Amino acid sequence: MDVRYVLKPDTGLTEEQLREIEAARSMPYVEDEDSPQIDPEKTPELWAAMMEALAERNRKMARRMA
């Protein structure tokens, strides 16, 4: 079953949602087989994809700020 949420820019978060976000921030990051560390030497294709995604995000942010 899929659950989908649509956030609208003019709608703020509820107090419960804010508490959940703050609780998640304090949780430690745990690497496992589903979310392994991306090592440029062991997985160069994943490293390159991550770097391209970061560059694209930065380009979008720069365009918004201009």
PDB file of N, CA and C in Angstrom:
ATOM      1  N   MET A   1       0.842  -1.180   0.000  1.00  0.00           N
ATOM      2  CA  MET A   1       0.000   0.000   0.000  1.00  0.00           C
ATOM      3  C   MET A   1       0.887   1.244   0.000  1.00  0.00           C
ATOM      4  N   ASP A   2       0.623   2.158  -0.892  1.00  0.00           N
ATOM      5  CA  ASP A   2       1.363   3.416  -0.966  1.00  0.00           C
ATOM      6  C   ASP A   2       0.601   4.504  -0.227  1.00  0.00           C
ATOM      7  N   VAL A   3       1.344   5.337   0.464  1.00  0.00           N
ATOM      8  CA  VAL A   3       0.773   6.499   1.132  1.00  0.00           C
ATOM      9  C   VAL A   3       1.462   7.708   0.536  1.00  0.00           C
ATOM     10  N   ARG A   4       0.697   8.660   0.096  1.00  0.00           N
ATOM     11  CA  ARG A   4       1.256   9.841  -0.548  1.00  0.00           C
ATOM     12  C   ARG A   4       0.765  11.091   0.172  1.00  0.00           C
ATOM     13  N   TYR A   5       1.712  11.993   0.417  1.00  0.00           N
ATOM     14  CA  TYR A   5       1.398  13.266   1.044  1.00  0.00           C
ATOM     15  C   TYR A   5       1.772  14.381   0.084  1.00  0.00           C
ATOM     16  N   VAL A   6       0.935  15.391   0.011  1.00  0.00           N
ATOM     17  CA  VAL A   6       1.220  16.548  -0.828  1.00  0.00           C
ATOM     18  C   VAL A   6       1.318  17.756   0.090  1.00  0.00           C
ATOM     19  N   LEU A   7       2.488  18.373   0.091  1.00  0.00           N
ATOM     20  CA  LEU A   7       2.674  19.576   0.899  1.00  0.00           C
ATOM     21  C   LEU A   7       2.427  20.799   0.035  1.00  0.00           C
ATOM     22  N   LYS A   8       1.624  21.679   0.536  1.00  0.00           N
ATOM     23  CA  LYS A   8       1.332  22.919  -0.171  1.00  0.00           C
ATOM     24  C   LYS A   8       2.151  24.031   0.469  1.00  0.00           C
ATOM     25  N   PRO A   9       2.741  24.891  -0.346  1.00  0.00           N
ATOM     26  CA  PRO A   9       3.612  25.940   0.192  1.00  0.00           C
ATOM     27  C   PRO A   9       2.942  26.847   1.222  1.00  0.00           C
ATOM     28  N   ASP A  10       1.654  27.073   1.103  1.00  0.00           N
ATOM     29  CA  ASP A  10       0.976  28.002   2.014  1.00  0.00           C
ATOM     30  C   ASP A  10       0.470  27.319   3.284  1.00  0.00           C
ATOM     31  N   THR A  11       0.698  26.012   3.422  1.00  0.00           N
ATOM     32  CA  THR A  11       0.236  25.274   4.586  1.00  0.00           C
ATOM     33  C   THR A  11       1.419  24.967   5.488  1.00  0.00           C
ATOM     34  N   GLY A  12       1.322  25.347   6.741  1.00  0.00           N
ATOM     35  CA  GLY A  12       2.405  25.079   7.683  1.00  0.00           C
ATOM     36  C   GLY A  12       2.310  23.675   8.251  1.00  0.00           C
ATOM     37  N   LEU A  13       3.363  23.263   8.948  1.00  0.00           N
ATOM     38  CA  LEU A  13       3.375  21.961   9.586  1.00  0.00           C
ATOM     39  C   LEU A  13       2.650  22.026  10.921  1.00  0.00           C
ATOM     40  N   THR A  14       2.078  20.903  11.315  1.00  0.00           N
ATOM     41  CA  THR A  14       1.407  20.843  12.614  1.00  0.00           C
ATOM     42  C   THR A  14       2.461  20.698  13.708  1.00  0.00           C
ATOM     43  N   GLU A  15       2.055  20.912  14.950  1.00  0.00           N
ATOM     44  CA  GLU A  15       2.973  20.764  16.074  1.00  0.00           C
ATOM     45  C   GLU A  15       3.486  19.325  16.154  1.00  0.00           C
ATOM     46  N   GLU A  16       2.621  18.357  15.892  1.00  0.00           N
ATOM     47  CA  GLU A  16       3.032  16.956  15.925  1.00  0.00           C
ATOM     48  C   GLU A  16       4.089  16.665  14.852  1.00  0.00           C
ATOM     49  N   GLN A  17       3.903  17.205  13.667  1.00  0.00           N
ATOM     50  CA  GLN A  17       4.881  17.009  12.598  1.00  0.00           C
ATOM     51  C   GLN A  17       6.224  17.640  12.963  1.00  0.00           C
ATOM     52  N   LEU A  18       6.187  18.809  13.556  1.00  0.00           N
ATOM     53  CA  LEU A  18       7.426  19.468  13.982  1.00  0.00           C
ATOM     54  C   LEU A  18       8.150  18.642  15.043  1.00  0.00           C
ATOM     55  N   ARG A  19       7.391  18.069  15.990  1.00  0.00           N
ATOM     56  CA  ARG A  19       7.999  17.210  17.012  1.00  0.00           C
ATOM     57  C   ARG A  19       8.634  15.974  16.378  1.00  0.00           C
ATOM     58  N   GLU A  20       7.963  15.385  15.386  1.00  0.00           N
ATOM     59  CA  GLU A  20       8.508  14.208  14.709  1.00  0.00           C
ATOM     60  C   GLU A  20       9.809  14.545  13.979  1.00  0.00           C
ATOM     61  N   ILE A  21       9.860  15.710  13.350  1.00  0.00           N
ATOM     62  CA  ILE A  21      11.072  16.130  12.646  1.00  0.00           C
ATOM     63  C   ILE A  21      12.211  16.342  13.633  1.00  0.00           C
ATOM     64  N   GLU A  22      11.934  16.992  14.752  1.00  0.00           N
ATOM     65  CA  GLU A  22      12.964  17.224  15.757  1.00  0.00           C
ATOM     66  C   GLU A  22      13.457  15.911  16.340  1.00  0.00           C
ATOM     67  N   ALA A  23      12.560  14.964  16.562  1.00  0.00           N
ATOM     68  CA  ALA A  23      12.968  13.650  17.086  1.00  0.00           C
ATOM     69  C   ALA A  23      13.846  12.926  16.073  1.00  0.00           C
ATOM     70  N   ALA A  24      13.506  13.025  14.806  1.00  0.00           N
ATOM     71  CA  ALA A  24      14.293  12.365  13.758  1.00  0.00           C
ATOM     72  C   ALA A  24      15.683  12.983  13.649  1.00  0.00           C
ATOM     73  N   ARG A  25      15.788  14.280  13.861  1.00  0.00           N
ATOM     74  CA  ARG A  25      17.095  14.944  13.798  1.00  0.00           C
ATOM     75  C   ARG A  25      18.063  14.405  14.836  1.00  0.00           C
ATOM     76  N   SER A  26      17.544  14.031  15.997  1.00  0.00           N
ATOM     77  CA  SER A  26      18.417  13.570  17.076  1.00  0.00           C
ATOM     78  C   SER A  26      18.789  12.091  16.947  1.00  0.00           C
ATOM     79  N   MET A  27      18.169  11.379  16.017  1.00  0.00           N
ATOM     80  CA  MET A  27      18.472   9.966  15.840  1.00  0.00           C
ATOM     81  C   MET A  27      19.799   9.800  15.104  1.00  0.00           C
ATOM     82  N   PRO A  28      20.580   8.805  15.489  1.00  0.00           N
ATOM     83  CA  PRO A  28      21.858   8.596  14.803  1.00  0.00           C
ATOM     84  C   PRO A  28      21.643   8.014  13.411  1.00  0.00           C
ATOM     85  N   TYR A  29      22.570   8.309  12.517  1.00  0.00           N
ATOM     86  CA  TYR A  29      22.528   7.741  11.179  1.00  0.00           C
ATOM     87  C   TYR A  29      23.156   6.357  11.242  1.00  0.00           C
ATOM     88  N   VAL A  30      22.447   5.360  10.751  1.00  0.00           N
ATOM     89  CA  VAL A  30      22.929   3.986  10.791  1.00  0.00           C
ATOM     90  C   VAL A  30      23.071   3.483   9.366  1.00  0.00           C
ATOM     91  N   GLU A  31      24.282   3.082   9.016  1.00  0.00           N
ATOM     92  CA  GLU A  31      24.509   2.518   7.692  1.00  0.00           C
ATOM     93  C   GLU A  31      24.218   1.022   7.746  1.00  0.00           C
ATOM     94  N   ASP A  32      23.558   0.521   6.719  1.00  0.00           N
ATOM     95  CA  ASP A  32      23.302  -0.910   6.608  1.00  0.00           C
ATOM     96  C   ASP A  32      23.290  -1.288   5.141  1.00  0.00           C
ATOM     97  N   GLU A  33      22.851  -2.495   4.828  1.00  0.00           N
ATOM     98  CA  GLU A  33      22.869  -2.926   3.437  1.00  0.00           C
ATOM     99  C   GLU A  33      21.901  -2.130   2.561  1.00  0.00           C
ATOM    100  N   ASP A  34      20.892  -1.530   3.159  1.00  0.00           N
ATOM    101  CA  ASP A  34      19.947  -0.712   2.397  1.00  0.00           C
ATOM    102  C   ASP A  34      20.437   0.709   2.175  1.00  0.00           C
ATOM    103  N   SER A  35      21.300   1.192   3.055  1.00  0.00           N
ATOM    104  CA  SER A  35      21.848   2.538   2.892  1.00  0.00           C
ATOM    105  C   SER A  35      23.333   2.522   3.242  1.00  0.00           C
ATOM    106  N   PRO A  36      24.152   1.958   2.363  1.00  0.00           N
ATOM    107  CA  PRO A  36      25.580   1.877   2.645  1.00  0.00           C
ATOM    108  C   PRO A  36      26.271   3.224   2.447  1.00  0.00           C
ATOM    109  N   GLN A  37      27.452   3.319   3.011  1.00  0.00           N
ATOM    110  CA  GLN A  37      28.259   4.516   2.807  1.00  0.00           C
ATOM    111  C   GLN A  37      28.716   4.540   1.346  1.00  0.00           C
ATOM    112  N   ILE A  38      28.679   5.701   0.736  1.00  0.00           N
ATOM    113  CA  ILE A  38      29.119   5.824  -0.651  1.00  0.00           C
ATOM    114  C   ILE A  38      30.603   6.165  -0.646  1.00  0.00           C
ATOM    115  N   ASP A  39      31.395   5.211  -1.109  1.00  0.00           N
ATOM    116  CA  ASP A  39      32.845   5.342  -1.143  1.00  0.00           C
ATOM    117  C   ASP A  39      33.284   5.555  -2.588  1.00  0.00           C
ATOM    118  N   PRO A  40      33.990   6.658  -2.885  1.00  0.00           N
ATOM    119  CA  PRO A  40      34.375   6.917  -4.276  1.00  0.00           C
ATOM    120  C   PRO A  40      35.291   5.848  -4.863  1.00  0.00           C
ATOM    121  N   GLU A  41      36.032   5.142  -4.025  1.00  0.00           N
ATOM    122  CA  GLU A  41      36.916   4.102  -4.548  1.00  0.00           C
ATOM    123  C   GLU A  41      36.188   2.790  -4.781  1.00  0.00           C
ATOM    124  N   LYS A  42      35.234   2.451  -3.921  1.00  0.00           N
ATOM    125  CA  LYS A  42      34.523   1.181  -4.051  1.00  0.00           C
ATOM    126  C   LYS A  42      33.353   1.271  -5.022  1.00  0.00           C
ATOM    127  N   THR A  43      32.680   2.407  -5.045  1.00  0.00           N
ATOM    128  CA  THR A  43      31.509   2.569  -5.914  1.00  0.00           C
ATOM    129  C   THR A  43      31.601   3.898  -6.660  1.00  0.00           C
ATOM    130  N   PRO A  44      32.491   3.996  -7.633  1.00  0.00           N
ATOM    131  CA  PRO A  44      32.677   5.279  -8.329  1.00  0.00           C
ATOM    132  C   PRO A  44      31.432   5.743  -9.080  1.00  0.00           C
ATOM    133  N   GLU A  45      30.608   4.815  -9.571  1.00  0.00           N
ATOM    134  CA  GLU A  45      29.399   5.229 -10.289  1.00  0.00           C
ATOM    135  C   GLU A  45      28.375   5.854  -9.343  1.00  0.00           C
ATOM    136  N   LEU A  46      28.253   5.325  -8.128  1.00  0.00           N
ATOM    137  CA  LEU A  46      27.346   5.945  -7.151  1.00  0.00           C
ATOM    138  C   LEU A  46      27.879   7.299  -6.696  1.00  0.00           C
ATOM    139  N   TRP A  47      29.187   7.380  -6.518  1.00  0.00           N
ATOM    140  CA  TRP A  47      29.814   8.644  -6.123  1.00  0.00           C
ATOM    141  C   TRP A  47      29.565   9.714  -7.183  1.00  0.00           C
ATOM    142  N   ALA A  48      29.749   9.352  -8.443  1.00  0.00           N
ATOM    143  CA  ALA A  48      29.545  10.309  -9.527  1.00  0.00           C
ATOM    144  C   ALA A  48      28.082  10.751  -9.591  1.00  0.00           C
ATOM    145  N   ALA A  49      27.158   9.811  -9.403  1.00  0.00           N
ATOM    146  CA  ALA A  49      25.738  10.152  -9.428  1.00  0.00           C
ATOM    147  C   ALA A  49      25.391  11.086  -8.275  1.00  0.00           C
ATOM    148  N   MET A  50      25.950  10.836  -7.095  1.00  0.00           N
ATOM    149  CA  MET A  50      25.690  11.695  -5.948  1.00  0.00           C
ATOM    150  C   MET A  50      26.243  13.100  -6.193  1.00  0.00           C
ATOM    151  N   MET A  51      27.446  13.181  -6.743  1.00  0.00           N
ATOM    152  CA  MET A  51      28.045  14.485  -7.015  1.00  0.00           C
ATOM    153  C   MET A  51      27.242  15.262  -8.060  1.00  0.00           C
ATOM    154  N   GLU A  52      26.742  14.576  -9.064  1.00  0.00           N
ATOM    155  CA  GLU A  52      25.921  15.239 -10.083  1.00  0.00           C
ATOM    156  C   GLU A  52      24.604  15.726  -9.479  1.00  0.00           C
ATOM    157  N   ALA A  53      24.008  14.918  -8.597  1.00  0.00           N
ATOM    158  CA  ALA A  53      22.767  15.335  -7.940  1.00  0.00           C
ATOM    159  C   ALA A  53      23.003  16.568  -7.071  1.00  0.00           C
ATOM    160  N   LEU A  54      24.121  16.597  -6.359  1.00  0.00           N
ATOM    161  CA  LEU A  54      24.441  17.770  -5.543  1.00  0.00           C
ATOM    162  C   LEU A  54      24.667  19.004  -6.404  1.00  0.00           C
ATOM    163  N   ALA A  55      25.368  18.824  -7.520  1.00  0.00           N
ATOM    164  CA  ALA A  55      25.618  19.954  -8.420  1.00  0.00           C
ATOM    165  C   ALA A  55      24.307  20.487  -8.989  1.00  0.00           C
ATOM    166  N   GLU A  56      23.415  19.589  -9.380  1.00  0.00           N
ATOM    167  CA  GLU A  56      22.118  20.015  -9.916  1.00  0.00           C
ATOM    168  C   GLU A  56      21.308  20.750  -8.856  1.00  0.00           C
ATOM    169  N   ARG A  57      21.328  20.252  -7.619  1.00  0.00           N
ATOM    170  CA  ARG A  57      20.618  20.929  -6.536  1.00  0.00           C
ATOM    171  C   ARG A  57      21.179  22.325  -6.329  1.00  0.00           C
ATOM    172  N   ASN A  58      22.498  22.446  -6.361  1.00  0.00           N
ATOM    173  CA  ASN A  58      23.121  23.755  -6.176  1.00  0.00           C
ATOM    174  C   ASN A  58      22.781  24.709  -7.314  1.00  0.00           C
ATOM    175  N   ARG A  59      22.733  24.192  -8.548  1.00  0.00           N
ATOM    176  CA  ARG A  59      22.353  25.040  -9.688  1.00  0.00           C
ATOM    177  C   ARG A  59      20.919  25.547  -9.528  1.00  0.00           C
ATOM    178  N   LYS A  60      20.014  24.666  -9.105  1.00  0.00           N
ATOM    179  CA  LYS A  60      18.619  25.078  -8.911  1.00  0.00           C
ATOM    180  C   LYS A  60      18.507  26.137  -7.817  1.00  0.00           C
ATOM    181  N   MET A  61      19.239  25.942  -6.731  1.00  0.00           N
ATOM    182  CA  MET A  61      19.194  26.910  -5.637  1.00  0.00           C
ATOM    183  C   MET A  61      19.758  28.248  -6.088  1.00  0.00           C
ATOM    184  N   ALA A  62      20.820  28.233  -6.883  1.00  0.00           N
ATOM    185  CA  ALA A  62      21.424  29.474  -7.356  1.00  0.00           C
ATOM    186  C   ALA A  62      20.453  30.222  -8.272  1.00  0.00           C
ATOM    187  N   ARG A  63      19.733  29.481  -9.123  1.00  0.00           N
ATOM    188  CA  ARG A  63      18.759  30.129 -10.015  1.00  0.00           C
ATOM    189  C   ARG A  63      17.624  30.769  -9.209  1.00  0.00           C
ATOM    190  N   ARG A  64      17.194  30.099  -8.138  1.00  0.00           N
ATOM    191  CA  ARG A  64      16.119  30.654  -7.312  1.00  0.00           C
ATOM    192  C   ARG A  64      16.552  31.928  -6.603  1.00  0.00           C
ATOM    193  N   MET A  65      17.827  31.973  -6.210  1.00  0.00           N
ATOM    194  CA  MET A  65      18.318  33.120  -5.470  1.00  0.00           C
ATOM    195  C   MET A  65      18.647  34.300  -6.359  1.00  0.00           C
ATOM    196  N   ALA A  66      18.791  34.063  -7.659  1.00  0.00           N
ATOM    197  CA  ALA A  66      19.157  35.135  -8.589  1.00  0.00           C
ATOM    198  C   ALA A  66      17.980  36.030  -8.902  1.00  0.00           C
TER     199      ALA A  66
END
